[in-house]
Amino acid sequence: MVIKALHDYGIKAEWAYAAGFASIGLSFLAWTISRQAEDAGTDRADRWGIFVGHWAPTFFGVGNALRSYEK
């Protein structure tokens, strides 16, 4: 039902894949910035990187679902 709604709104599978790859880059960027800007050390930077890194599989999964729905 959610995938159908996304498809009806015009969301394409390619957009979800692009968001997945962008979140991988954003994960590295968040880790780098947090590591340099905060005094909390690498622990907090690692948490930020992992948090944002978990978005990528979600976007790829949505992309796969949309791709199968588009067929």
Protein backbone atom coordinates (compact mmCIF):
# COMPACT_ATOMS: atom_id res chain seq x y z
CA MET A 1 0.00 0.00 0.00
CA VAL A 2 2.83 2.43 0.81
CA ILE A 3 4.70 1.52 -2.37
CA LYS A 4 1.53 2.04 -4.42
CA ALA A 5 1.08 5.46 -2.81
CA LEU A 6 4.69 6.40 -3.59
CA HIS A 7 4.22 5.22 -7.17
CA ASP A 8 0.98 7.19 -7.48
CA TYR A 9 2.80 10.32 -6.29
CA GLY A 10 5.28 9.85 -9.12
CA ILE A 11 8.26 8.54 -7.13
CA LYS A 12 10.48 6.46 -9.40
CA ALA A 13 12.72 3.54 -8.42
CA GLU A 14 15.73 5.39 -9.81
CA TRP A 15 15.10 8.23 -7.35
CA ALA A 16 15.12 5.80 -4.44
CA TYR A 17 18.37 4.27 -5.68
CA ALA A 18 19.89 7.73 -6.04
CA ALA A 19 18.80 8.55 -2.48
CA GLY A 20 20.48 5.35 -1.30
CA PHE A 21 23.78 6.26 -2.91
CA ALA A 22 23.47 9.84 -1.64
CA SER A 23 22.94 8.56 1.90
CA ILE A 24 26.16 6.56 1.66
CA GLY A 25 28.03 9.75 0.81
CA LEU A 26 26.14 11.66 3.48
CA SER A 27 27.09 8.99 6.02
CA PHE A 28 30.78 9.50 5.29
CA LEU A 29 30.32 13.27 5.35
CA ALA A 30 28.46 13.17 8.69
CA TRP A 31 31.18 10.98 10.18
CA THR A 32 33.94 13.28 8.93
CA ILE A 33 32.30 16.50 10.08
CA SER A 34 31.32 15.08 13.47
CA ARG A 35 34.83 13.76 14.01
CA GLN A 36 36.40 17.15 13.29
CA ALA A 37 33.81 19.51 14.80
CA GLU A 38 32.91 17.80 18.08
CA ASP A 39 35.08 17.15 21.09
CA ALA A 40 33.27 13.90 21.87
CA GLY A 41 35.82 11.82 19.99
CA THR A 42 35.29 9.13 17.44
CA ASP A 43 32.50 7.39 19.37
CA ARG A 44 29.92 10.05 18.54
CA ALA A 45 31.24 10.39 14.99
CA ASP A 46 30.86 6.64 14.53
CA ARG A 47 27.29 6.81 15.81
CA TRP A 48 26.41 9.60 13.37
CA GLY A 49 27.94 7.70 10.46
CA ILE A 50 26.16 4.49 11.36
CA PHE A 51 22.84 6.29 11.91
CA VAL A 52 22.90 7.91 8.49
CA GLY A 53 24.37 4.76 6.95
CA HIS A 54 21.29 2.80 7.92
CA TRP A 55 19.22 4.89 5.53
CA ALA A 56 20.87 3.41 2.42
CA PRO A 57 19.41 -0.13 2.70
CA THR A 58 15.98 1.37 3.31
CA PHE A 59 16.18 3.47 0.15
CA PHE A 60 17.50 0.51 -1.85
CA GLY A 61 14.67 -1.67 -0.54
CA VAL A 62 12.09 0.94 -1.50
CA GLY A 63 13.73 1.19 -4.91
CA ASN A 64 13.47 -2.57 -5.39
CA ALA A 65 9.83 -2.54 -4.34
CA LEU A 66 9.06 0.33 -6.69
CA ARG A 67 10.93 -1.40 -9.50
CA SER A 68 8.85 -4.55 -9.09
CA TYR A 69 5.68 -2.46 -8.87
CA GLU A 70 6.56 -0.56 -12.05
CA LYS A 71 6.79 -3.80 -14.05
